[in-house]
Amino acid sequence: NLPEVFKNGPVTKKARTEPLSLYTCLEAFLREEPLVPEDMWYCPQCKERRQASKKLDLWRLPEVLVIHLKRFSYSRSMKHKLETFVNFPIHDFNLTKYVANKNSSRCQLYELYALTNHYGGMGSGHYTAHIKLLDENRWYNFDDSHISPINEDDVKSAAAYVLFYRRVKSDVSNSNGVRSGGGQEDVSTWR
């Protein structure tokens, strides 16, 4: 006997139509979640599988932060392209509250400098890139052999797939490494 849910065919999730913020995605990624029965933790002491949960924490962030957005969903024999618009910040991507190491005084502020886009479906598609040339402070679209300038307002789309952020260097006001915001920063690692 099949459970009532499966008697009338497979259950499909509705496609999400409202946009998500990148912060919401990050919070979901870092949220504690119980392990499913197939992935239960094996206890070496009692030699049995135990119910457990997993959680990821950010302890230290890199100079260059690469964020890969989940754009494909797999469930049983179904594959879906996720086309939800993720509203990601171009400037002032502040990750301070997401870093578990509260002793870290490094600047956790990032700015977007590049992204890739995926257009198409699961089996085929087309990739493009938007890249900010920092020397010119201008965005460009790279599409196969065509390169064209674009407005910063046109960088965001539902096709965004991989985001590339760089750490924003804070202004140091004195030789002790005290930032204008009042925190300490290790300036010896700046290039």
N, C-alpha and C. Protein backbone atom coordinates (compact mmCIF):
# COMPACT_ATOMS: atom_id res chain seq x y z
N ASN A 1 0.83 -1.19 0.00
CA ASN A 1 0.00 0.00 0.00
C ASN A 1 0.87 1.25 0.00
N LEU A 2 0.58 2.12 -0.95
CA LEU A 2 1.29 3.39 -1.00
C LEU A 2 0.65 4.39 -0.06
N PRO A 3 1.44 5.25 0.54
CA PRO A 3 0.84 6.31 1.35
C PRO A 3 -0.09 7.16 0.49
N GLU A 4 -1.05 7.79 1.13
CA GLU A 4 -2.04 8.61 0.43
C GLU A 4 -1.41 9.65 -0.49
N VAL A 5 -0.29 10.18 -0.10
CA VAL A 5 0.37 11.22 -0.87
C VAL A 5 0.73 10.75 -2.27
N PHE A 6 1.10 9.48 -2.43
CA PHE A 6 1.59 8.99 -3.71
C PHE A 6 0.54 8.29 -4.56
N LYS A 7 -0.69 8.17 -4.10
CA LYS A 7 -1.71 7.45 -4.85
C LYS A 7 -2.09 8.13 -6.15
N ASN A 8 -2.02 9.44 -6.21
CA ASN A 8 -2.42 10.16 -7.41
C ASN A 8 -1.23 10.67 -8.21
N GLY A 9 -0.11 10.03 -8.12
CA GLY A 9 1.06 10.45 -8.89
C GLY A 9 2.05 11.20 -8.02
N PRO A 10 3.18 11.56 -8.60
CA PRO A 10 4.23 12.22 -7.81
C PRO A 10 3.81 13.62 -7.39
N VAL A 11 4.30 14.00 -6.23
CA VAL A 11 4.04 15.33 -5.71
C VAL A 11 5.16 16.24 -6.22
N THR A 12 4.79 17.36 -6.80
CA THR A 12 5.80 18.30 -7.29
C THR A 12 5.68 19.60 -6.50
N LYS A 13 6.83 20.18 -6.23
CA LYS A 13 6.84 21.47 -5.54
C LYS A 13 6.49 22.56 -6.53
N LYS A 14 5.80 23.58 -6.04
CA LYS A 14 5.52 24.74 -6.88
C LYS A 14 6.80 25.54 -7.06
N ALA A 15 6.96 26.07 -8.25
CA ALA A 15 8.12 26.93 -8.50
C ALA A 15 7.98 28.20 -7.68
N ARG A 16 9.07 28.63 -7.11
CA ARG A 16 9.07 29.84 -6.30
C ARG A 16 9.03 31.04 -7.23
N THR A 17 8.07 31.92 -7.02
CA THR A 17 7.94 33.08 -7.89
C THR A 17 8.46 34.37 -7.25
N GLU A 18 8.42 34.47 -5.94
CA GLU A 18 8.91 35.69 -5.29
C GLU A 18 10.43 35.62 -5.16
N PRO A 19 11.09 36.76 -5.26
CA PRO A 19 12.56 36.77 -5.18
C PRO A 19 13.06 36.42 -3.79
N LEU A 20 14.28 35.95 -3.73
CA LEU A 20 14.98 35.66 -2.48
C LEU A 20 16.15 36.62 -2.36
N SER A 21 16.52 36.96 -1.14
CA SER A 21 17.74 37.74 -0.97
C SER A 21 18.90 36.77 -0.79
N LEU A 22 20.09 37.21 -1.13
CA LEU A 22 21.27 36.38 -0.93
C LEU A 22 21.47 36.10 0.56
N TYR A 23 21.09 37.05 1.41
CA TYR A 23 21.19 36.84 2.86
C TYR A 23 20.27 35.69 3.30
N THR A 24 19.08 35.60 2.73
CA THR A 24 18.16 34.51 3.06
C THR A 24 18.76 33.17 2.63
N CYS A 25 19.38 33.14 1.46
CA CYS A 25 20.05 31.91 1.00
C CYS A 25 21.17 31.52 1.95
N LEU A 26 21.96 32.48 2.38
CA LEU A 26 23.07 32.21 3.29
C LEU A 26 22.56 31.68 4.63
N GLU A 27 21.49 32.28 5.15
CA GLU A 27 20.92 31.82 6.42
C GLU A 27 20.41 30.38 6.29
N ALA A 28 19.81 30.04 5.16
CA ALA A 28 19.34 28.66 4.94
C ALA A 28 20.52 27.70 4.87
N PHE A 29 21.60 28.12 4.24
CA PHE A 29 22.80 27.29 4.10
C PHE A 29 23.44 27.02 5.47
N LEU A 30 23.40 28.01 6.36
CA LEU A 30 24.04 27.89 7.67
C LEU A 30 23.13 27.32 8.76
N ARG A 31 21.86 27.13 8.46
CA ARG A 31 20.89 26.66 9.45
C ARG A 31 21.16 25.19 9.82
N GLU A 32 21.01 24.90 11.11
CA GLU A 32 21.14 23.52 11.58
C GLU A 32 20.01 22.69 11.00
N GLU A 33 20.34 21.46 10.58
CA GLU A 33 19.31 20.59 10.02
C GLU A 33 19.52 19.16 10.48
N PRO A 34 18.42 18.45 10.75
CA PRO A 34 18.56 17.05 11.17
C PRO A 34 18.99 16.18 9.99
N LEU A 35 19.79 15.17 10.29
CA LEU A 35 20.18 14.23 9.26
C LEU A 35 19.02 13.27 9.00
N VAL A 36 18.81 12.94 7.75
CA VAL A 36 17.73 12.00 7.40
C VAL A 36 18.13 10.60 7.84
N PRO A 37 17.17 9.70 8.02
CA PRO A 37 17.49 8.35 8.51
C PRO A 37 18.59 7.64 7.71
N GLU A 38 18.66 7.86 6.41
CA GLU A 38 19.69 7.20 5.60
C GLU A 38 21.09 7.74 5.91
N ASP A 39 21.18 8.93 6.50
CA ASP A 39 22.47 9.56 6.78
C ASP A 39 22.74 9.68 8.28
N MET A 40 22.11 8.84 9.09
CA MET A 40 22.29 8.96 10.54
C MET A 40 23.77 8.77 10.90
N TRP A 41 24.16 9.41 11.99
CA TRP A 41 25.53 9.39 12.46
C TRP A 41 25.85 8.04 13.10
N TYR A 42 27.02 7.49 12.79
CA TYR A 42 27.46 6.23 13.39
C TYR A 42 28.29 6.54 14.62
N CYS A 43 27.82 6.09 15.78
CA CYS A 43 28.52 6.32 17.04
C CYS A 43 29.58 5.24 17.23
N PRO A 44 30.86 5.63 17.32
CA PRO A 44 31.92 4.63 17.49
C PRO A 44 31.91 3.97 18.87
N GLN A 45 31.29 4.62 19.89
CA GLN A 45 31.24 4.06 21.25
C GLN A 45 30.23 2.90 21.32
N CYS A 46 28.98 3.19 20.95
CA CYS A 46 27.93 2.17 21.08
C CYS A 46 27.74 1.37 19.79
N LYS A 47 28.44 1.75 18.74
CA LYS A 47 28.41 1.05 17.46
C LYS A 47 27.00 0.97 16.87
N GLU A 48 26.26 2.05 17.02
CA GLU A 48 24.90 2.13 16.46
C GLU A 48 24.74 3.46 15.72
N ARG A 49 23.76 3.46 14.85
CA ARG A 49 23.43 4.71 14.15
C ARG A 49 22.53 5.52 15.06
N ARG A 50 22.81 6.83 15.15
CA ARG A 50 22.09 7.74 16.04
C ARG A 50 21.54 8.92 15.27
N GLN A 51 20.40 9.41 15.75
CA GLN A 51 19.84 10.64 15.19
C GLN A 51 20.79 11.78 15.52
N ALA A 52 21.06 12.62 14.54
CA ALA A 52 21.98 13.74 14.74
C ALA A 52 21.57 14.87 13.82
N SER A 53 22.23 15.98 13.98
CA SER A 53 21.99 17.11 13.08
C SER A 53 23.34 17.63 12.62
N LYS A 54 23.30 18.41 11.55
CA LYS A 54 24.54 19.01 11.05
C LYS A 54 24.35 20.51 10.94
N LYS A 55 25.46 21.21 11.07
CA LYS A 55 25.43 22.67 10.97
C LYS A 55 26.78 23.15 10.47
N LEU A 56 26.73 24.09 9.56
CA LEU A 56 27.94 24.71 9.05
C LEU A 56 28.09 26.10 9.67
N ASP A 57 29.33 26.47 9.99
CA ASP A 57 29.63 27.81 10.50
C ASP A 57 30.73 28.42 9.65
N LEU A 58 30.66 29.72 9.49
CA LEU A 58 31.75 30.46 8.86
C LEU A 58 32.68 30.91 9.96
N TRP A 59 33.94 30.55 9.88
CA TRP A 59 34.89 30.91 10.92
C TRP A 59 35.83 32.01 10.46
N ARG A 60 36.29 31.90 9.22
CA ARG A 60 37.20 32.89 8.65
C ARG A 60 36.85 33.02 7.17
N LEU A 61 36.75 34.24 6.69
CA LEU A 61 36.36 34.47 5.30
C LEU A 61 37.58 34.84 4.45
N PRO A 62 37.56 34.44 3.18
CA PRO A 62 38.70 34.71 2.30
C PRO A 62 38.67 36.12 1.72
N GLU A 63 39.76 36.50 1.08
CA GLU A 63 39.82 37.78 0.38
C GLU A 63 38.86 37.78 -0.81
N VAL A 64 38.81 36.65 -1.51
CA VAL A 64 37.88 36.47 -2.63
C VAL A 64 36.87 35.41 -2.23
N LEU A 65 35.60 35.77 -2.27
CA LEU A 65 34.52 34.89 -1.85
C LEU A 65 33.72 34.49 -3.09
N VAL A 66 33.62 33.19 -3.34
CA VAL A 66 32.89 32.67 -4.49
C VAL A 66 31.62 32.01 -3.98
N ILE A 67 30.48 32.46 -4.48
CA ILE A 67 29.19 31.91 -4.07
C ILE A 67 28.53 31.26 -5.27
N HIS A 68 28.26 29.97 -5.13
CA HIS A 68 27.63 29.19 -6.19
C HIS A 68 26.15 29.02 -5.82
N LEU A 69 25.28 29.63 -6.59
CA LEU A 69 23.85 29.55 -6.32
C LEU A 69 23.30 28.21 -6.82
N LYS A 70 22.46 27.60 -6.03
CA LYS A 70 21.85 26.33 -6.43
C LYS A 70 20.80 26.63 -7.51
N ARG A 71 21.08 26.22 -8.72
CA ARG A 71 20.18 26.48 -9.85
C ARG A 71 19.55 25.22 -10.41
N PHE A 72 19.92 24.06 -9.86
CA PHE A 72 19.36 22.80 -10.35
C PHE A 72 18.87 21.99 -9.17
N SER A 73 17.72 21.35 -9.34
CA SER A 73 17.12 20.55 -8.28
C SER A 73 16.88 19.14 -8.80
N TYR A 74 17.23 18.16 -7.99
CA TYR A 74 17.04 16.76 -8.36
C TYR A 74 16.17 16.09 -7.32
N SER A 75 15.11 15.42 -7.76
CA SER A 75 14.27 14.66 -6.84
C SER A 75 13.75 13.44 -7.57
N ARG A 76 14.08 12.29 -7.04
CA ARG A 76 13.74 11.01 -7.68
C ARG A 76 14.19 11.03 -9.13
N SER A 77 13.28 10.93 -10.06
CA SER A 77 13.69 10.94 -11.47
C SER A 77 13.49 12.31 -12.11
N MET A 78 13.09 13.29 -11.33
CA MET A 78 12.81 14.63 -11.85
C MET A 78 14.03 15.54 -11.68
N LYS A 79 14.28 16.32 -12.72
CA LYS A 79 15.33 17.33 -12.67
C LYS A 79 14.70 18.66 -13.05
N HIS A 80 15.04 19.69 -12.31
CA HIS A 80 14.44 21.01 -12.54
C HIS A 80 15.51 22.09 -12.55
N LYS A 81 15.34 23.06 -13.42
CA LYS A 81 16.17 24.27 -13.40
C LYS A 81 15.46 25.26 -12.50
N LEU A 82 16.16 25.79 -11.51
CA LEU A 82 15.60 26.77 -10.59
C LEU A 82 15.85 28.17 -11.14
N GLU A 83 14.79 28.89 -11.40
CA GLU A 83 14.91 30.21 -12.04
C GLU A 83 14.53 31.34 -11.09
N THR A 84 14.55 31.07 -9.80
CA THR A 84 14.21 32.09 -8.82
C THR A 84 15.20 33.25 -8.88
N PHE A 85 14.67 34.45 -8.87
CA PHE A 85 15.55 35.63 -8.83
C PHE A 85 16.13 35.76 -7.43
N VAL A 86 17.45 35.75 -7.35
CA VAL A 86 18.15 35.96 -6.08
C VAL A 86 18.69 37.38 -6.11
N ASN A 87 18.18 38.20 -5.20
CA ASN A 87 18.61 39.59 -5.13
C ASN A 87 19.91 39.66 -4.32
N PHE A 88 21.01 39.80 -5.02
CA PHE A 88 22.32 39.83 -4.38
C PHE A 88 22.87 41.25 -4.38
N PRO A 89 23.56 41.63 -3.31
CA PRO A 89 24.13 42.97 -3.26
C PRO A 89 25.33 43.09 -4.19
N ILE A 90 25.45 44.24 -4.82
CA ILE A 90 26.63 44.54 -5.63
C ILE A 90 27.67 45.20 -4.75
N HIS A 91 27.23 46.09 -3.87
CA HIS A 91 28.11 46.79 -2.93
C HIS A 91 27.67 46.44 -1.51
N ASP A 92 28.59 46.58 -0.57
CA ASP A 92 28.27 46.45 0.86
C ASP A 92 27.61 45.13 1.24
N PHE A 93 28.16 44.03 0.75
CA PHE A 93 27.70 42.69 1.16
C PHE A 93 28.37 42.42 2.50
N ASN A 94 27.62 42.63 3.59
CA ASN A 94 28.16 42.58 4.94
C ASN A 94 27.91 41.21 5.56
N LEU A 95 28.98 40.48 5.83
CA LEU A 95 28.87 39.13 6.39
C LEU A 95 29.28 39.06 7.86
N THR A 96 29.46 40.20 8.50
CA THR A 96 29.95 40.25 9.88
C THR A 96 29.13 39.37 10.81
N LYS A 97 27.81 39.45 10.77
CA LYS A 97 26.98 38.70 11.72
C LYS A 97 26.96 37.20 11.44
N TYR A 98 27.47 36.77 10.29
CA TYR A 98 27.47 35.35 9.94
C TYR A 98 28.76 34.63 10.32
N VAL A 99 29.76 35.38 10.76
CA VAL A 99 31.04 34.78 11.14
C VAL A 99 30.96 34.36 12.60
N ALA A 100 31.14 33.06 12.85
CA ALA A 100 31.02 32.51 14.20
C ALA A 100 32.17 32.94 15.10
N ASN A 101 33.33 33.20 14.53
CA ASN A 101 34.50 33.62 15.30
C ASN A 101 34.34 35.09 15.67
N LYS A 102 33.79 35.36 16.83
CA LYS A 102 33.54 36.75 17.25
C LYS A 102 34.81 37.48 17.65
N ASN A 103 35.94 36.76 17.75
CA ASN A 103 37.22 37.41 18.04
C ASN A 103 37.85 38.01 16.79
N SER A 104 37.31 37.67 15.64
CA SER A 104 37.84 38.21 14.39
C SER A 104 37.45 39.67 14.26
N SER A 105 38.43 40.50 13.96
CA SER A 105 38.13 41.92 13.80
C SER A 105 38.32 42.36 12.35
N ARG A 106 38.52 41.39 11.48
CA ARG A 106 38.70 41.71 10.06
C ARG A 106 37.41 42.26 9.47
N CYS A 107 37.58 43.07 8.48
CA CYS A 107 36.45 43.62 7.75
C CYS A 107 35.74 42.48 7.01
N GLN A 108 34.44 42.36 7.19
CA GLN A 108 33.67 41.30 6.55
C GLN A 108 32.74 41.90 5.49
N LEU A 109 33.20 42.94 4.84
CA LEU A 109 32.41 43.65 3.84
C LEU A 109 32.98 43.34 2.46
N TYR A 110 32.09 43.00 1.53
CA TYR A 110 32.50 42.58 0.19
C TYR A 110 31.78 43.38 -0.87
N GLU A 111 32.40 43.39 -2.08
CA GLU A 111 31.73 43.96 -3.24
C GLU A 111 31.85 42.99 -4.40
N LEU A 112 30.80 42.93 -5.19
CA LEU A 112 30.76 42.05 -6.35
C LEU A 112 31.67 42.60 -7.44
N TYR A 113 32.47 41.71 -8.05
CA TYR A 113 33.30 42.16 -9.18
C TYR A 113 33.11 41.29 -10.42
N ALA A 114 32.40 40.17 -10.28
CA ALA A 114 32.14 39.32 -11.45
C ALA A 114 31.04 38.33 -11.13
N LEU A 115 30.39 37.83 -12.17
CA LEU A 115 29.42 36.76 -12.01
C LEU A 115 29.24 36.04 -13.33
N THR A 116 28.84 34.78 -13.23
CA THR A 116 28.47 34.03 -14.43
C THR A 116 26.97 33.86 -14.42
N ASN A 117 26.41 33.75 -15.61
CA ASN A 117 24.98 33.53 -15.80
C ASN A 117 24.78 32.23 -16.56
N HIS A 118 23.69 31.52 -16.28
CA HIS A 118 23.34 30.34 -17.06
C HIS A 118 21.95 30.54 -17.64
N TYR A 119 21.86 30.46 -18.96
CA TYR A 119 20.58 30.55 -19.66
C TYR A 119 20.30 29.19 -20.27
N GLY A 120 19.06 28.74 -20.20
CA GLY A 120 18.71 27.46 -20.79
C GLY A 120 18.22 26.50 -19.74
N GLY A 121 18.19 25.22 -20.10
CA GLY A 121 17.64 24.21 -19.22
C GLY A 121 18.69 23.29 -18.66
N MET A 122 18.22 22.12 -18.20
CA MET A 122 19.09 21.15 -17.55
C MET A 122 20.10 20.53 -18.52
N GLY A 123 19.65 20.13 -19.69
CA GLY A 123 20.51 19.40 -20.61
C GLY A 123 21.39 20.28 -21.47
N SER A 124 21.01 21.51 -21.63
CA SER A 124 21.82 22.39 -22.46
C SER A 124 21.64 23.82 -21.97
N GLY A 125 22.47 24.67 -22.42
CA GLY A 125 22.36 26.05 -21.99
C GLY A 125 23.51 26.87 -22.51
N HIS A 126 23.52 28.10 -22.08
CA HIS A 126 24.52 29.06 -22.54
C HIS A 126 25.00 29.86 -21.33
N TYR A 127 26.30 30.05 -21.24
CA TYR A 127 26.89 30.80 -20.14
C TYR A 127 27.41 32.15 -20.64
N THR A 128 27.21 33.17 -19.83
CA THR A 128 27.79 34.48 -20.08
C THR A 128 28.43 34.95 -18.77
N ALA A 129 29.17 36.03 -18.84
CA ALA A 129 29.78 36.59 -17.63
C ALA A 129 29.64 38.10 -17.64
N HIS A 130 29.46 38.66 -16.45
CA HIS A 130 29.53 40.11 -16.25
C HIS A 130 30.75 40.34 -15.37
N ILE A 131 31.64 41.22 -15.81
CA ILE A 131 32.87 41.47 -15.08
C ILE A 131 33.08 42.97 -14.95
N LYS A 132 33.44 43.38 -13.74
CA LYS A 132 33.74 44.79 -13.50
C LYS A 132 35.24 45.00 -13.63
N LEU A 133 35.63 45.85 -14.56
CA LEU A 133 37.04 46.21 -14.67
C LEU A 133 37.30 47.30 -13.62
N LEU A 134 38.06 46.94 -12.60
CA LEU A 134 38.25 47.84 -11.46
C LEU A 134 38.98 49.11 -11.85
N ASP A 135 39.92 49.02 -12.79
CA ASP A 135 40.66 50.22 -13.22
C ASP A 135 39.73 51.25 -13.85
N GLU A 136 38.71 50.76 -14.56
CA GLU A 136 37.76 51.65 -15.24
C GLU A 136 36.50 51.90 -14.41
N ASN A 137 36.30 51.09 -13.36
CA ASN A 137 35.07 51.14 -12.56
C ASN A 137 33.84 51.00 -13.46
N ARG A 138 33.92 50.03 -14.38
CA ARG A 138 32.86 49.83 -15.37
C ARG A 138 32.61 48.33 -15.57
N TRP A 139 31.33 47.99 -15.77
CA TRP A 139 30.91 46.61 -16.00
C TRP A 139 30.88 46.28 -17.48
N TYR A 140 31.24 45.01 -17.79
CA TYR A 140 31.20 44.51 -19.17
C TYR A 140 30.49 43.16 -19.20
N ASN A 141 29.80 42.90 -20.30
CA ASN A 141 29.17 41.61 -20.55
C ASN A 141 30.05 40.83 -21.52
N PHE A 142 30.41 39.60 -21.14
CA PHE A 142 31.20 38.71 -21.99
C PHE A 142 30.28 37.59 -22.45
N ASP A 143 30.03 37.53 -23.75
CA ASP A 143 29.12 36.55 -24.33
C ASP A 143 29.81 35.95 -25.56
N ASP A 144 30.40 34.78 -25.37
CA ASP A 144 31.21 34.15 -26.41
C ASP A 144 32.30 35.12 -26.86
N SER A 145 32.31 35.50 -28.11
CA SER A 145 33.37 36.39 -28.60
C SER A 145 32.95 37.86 -28.56
N HIS A 146 31.79 38.14 -27.99
CA HIS A 146 31.30 39.52 -27.94
C HIS A 146 31.48 40.10 -26.54
N ILE A 147 32.05 41.27 -26.48
CA ILE A 147 32.22 41.99 -25.22
C ILE A 147 31.57 43.35 -25.39
N SER A 148 30.70 43.69 -24.42
CA SER A 148 30.02 44.98 -24.52
C SER A 148 29.85 45.58 -23.13
N PRO A 149 29.93 46.91 -23.02
CA PRO A 149 29.71 47.55 -21.72
C PRO A 149 28.25 47.44 -21.32
N ILE A 150 28.01 47.31 -20.02
CA ILE A 150 26.64 47.28 -19.49
C ILE A 150 26.56 48.20 -18.28
N ASN A 151 25.36 48.63 -17.97
CA ASN A 151 25.13 49.43 -16.77
C ASN A 151 25.13 48.53 -15.55
N GLU A 152 25.57 49.06 -14.44
CA GLU A 152 25.57 48.28 -13.20
C GLU A 152 24.17 47.79 -12.86
N ASP A 153 23.14 48.56 -13.18
CA ASP A 153 21.76 48.16 -12.91
C ASP A 153 21.36 46.90 -13.67
N ASP A 154 22.06 46.57 -14.75
CA ASP A 154 21.72 45.41 -15.57
C ASP A 154 22.49 44.16 -15.19
N VAL A 155 23.31 44.23 -14.16
CA VAL A 155 24.12 43.09 -13.73
C VAL A 155 23.25 42.00 -13.10
N LYS A 156 22.23 42.39 -12.37
CA LYS A 156 21.38 41.42 -11.66
C LYS A 156 20.36 40.81 -12.61
N SER A 157 20.22 39.47 -12.52
CA SER A 157 19.17 38.78 -13.27
C SER A 157 18.90 37.43 -12.62
N ALA A 158 17.82 36.79 -13.02
CA ALA A 158 17.48 35.46 -12.50
C ALA A 158 18.41 34.39 -13.06
N ALA A 159 19.26 34.74 -14.01
CA ALA A 159 20.20 33.79 -14.60
C ALA A 159 21.51 33.72 -13.83
N ALA A 160 21.71 34.59 -12.82
CA ALA A 160 22.97 34.59 -12.05
C ALA A 160 23.22 33.21 -11.46
N TYR A 161 24.45 32.73 -11.60
CA TYR A 161 24.78 31.35 -11.23
C TYR A 161 25.95 31.27 -10.24
N VAL A 162 27.04 31.96 -10.54
CA VAL A 162 28.20 32.00 -9.65
C VAL A 162 28.58 33.46 -9.45
N LEU A 163 28.71 33.87 -8.17
CA LEU A 163 29.01 35.26 -7.82
C LEU A 163 30.43 35.34 -7.26
N PHE A 164 31.17 36.35 -7.68
CA PHE A 164 32.55 36.55 -7.23
C PHE A 164 32.63 37.89 -6.49
N TYR A 165 32.96 37.81 -5.20
CA TYR A 165 33.08 39.01 -4.37
C TYR A 165 34.53 39.17 -3.93
N ARG A 166 34.93 40.42 -3.72
CA ARG A 166 36.24 40.70 -3.14
C ARG A 166 36.04 41.50 -1.87
N ARG A 167 36.92 41.24 -0.91
CA ARG A 167 36.84 41.94 0.37
C ARG A 167 37.13 43.42 0.16
N VAL A 168 36.33 44.26 0.78
CA VAL A 168 36.54 45.70 0.72
C VAL A 168 37.53 46.06 1.81
N LYS A 169 38.57 46.75 1.44
CA LYS A 169 39.57 47.18 2.42
C LYS A 169 39.04 48.41 3.14
N SER A 170 39.13 48.39 4.46
CA SER A 170 38.67 49.55 5.22
C SER A 170 39.77 50.59 5.28
N ASP A 171 39.37 51.82 5.46
CA ASP A 171 40.34 52.91 5.60
C ASP A 171 40.96 52.85 6.98
N VAL A 172 42.27 52.83 7.05
CA VAL A 172 42.98 52.79 8.32
C VAL A 172 43.36 54.21 8.70
N SER A 173 42.98 54.61 9.93
CA SER A 173 43.19 56.00 10.32
C SER A 173 44.50 56.24 11.05
N ASN A 174 45.12 55.18 11.60
CA ASN A 174 46.41 55.41 12.26
C ASN A 174 47.28 54.16 12.16
N SER A 175 48.50 54.25 12.66
CA SER A 175 49.46 53.15 12.51
C SER A 175 49.14 51.96 13.40
N ASN A 176 48.23 52.10 14.37
CA ASN A 176 47.86 50.98 15.23
C ASN A 176 46.87 50.04 14.56
N GLY A 177 46.43 50.37 13.36
CA GLY A 177 45.48 49.51 12.68
C GLY A 177 44.05 49.74 13.11
N VAL A 178 43.77 50.89 13.74
CA VAL A 178 42.42 51.19 14.17
C VAL A 178 41.65 51.76 12.99
N ARG A 179 40.55 51.10 12.64
CA ARG A 179 39.73 51.56 11.53
C ARG A 179 38.87 52.72 11.96
N SER A 180 38.36 53.43 10.99
CA SER A 180 37.46 54.54 11.29
C SER A 180 36.21 54.05 11.99
N GLY A 181 35.86 52.77 11.81
CA GLY A 181 34.70 52.20 12.49
C GLY A 181 35.01 51.80 13.92
N GLY A 182 36.26 51.89 14.36
CA GLY A 182 36.61 51.63 15.75
C GLY A 182 37.16 50.24 16.01
N GLY A 183 37.12 49.32 15.05
CA GLY A 183 37.61 47.97 15.27
C GLY A 183 39.07 47.83 14.90
N GLN A 184 39.67 46.72 15.25
CA GLN A 184 41.07 46.44 14.91
C GLN A 184 41.11 45.63 13.62
N GLU A 185 42.12 45.87 12.82
CA GLU A 185 42.29 45.13 11.58
C GLU A 185 43.77 44.81 11.42
N ASP A 186 44.07 43.59 11.01
CA ASP A 186 45.45 43.20 10.76
C ASP A 186 45.84 43.72 9.38
N VAL A 187 46.57 44.82 9.35
CA VAL A 187 46.93 45.43 8.07
C VAL A 187 48.18 44.80 7.47
N SER A 188 48.84 43.91 8.20
CA SER A 188 50.06 43.29 7.67
C SER A 188 49.76 42.37 6.50
N THR A 189 48.52 41.93 6.34
CA THR A 189 48.17 41.03 5.25
C THR A 189 47.65 41.76 4.02
N TRP A 190 47.53 43.08 4.11
CA TRP A 190 47.05 43.85 2.95
C TRP A 190 48.11 43.89 1.88
N ARG A 191 47.68 43.90 0.64
CA ARG A 191 48.63 43.98 -0.47
C ARG A 191 48.53 45.30 -1.14
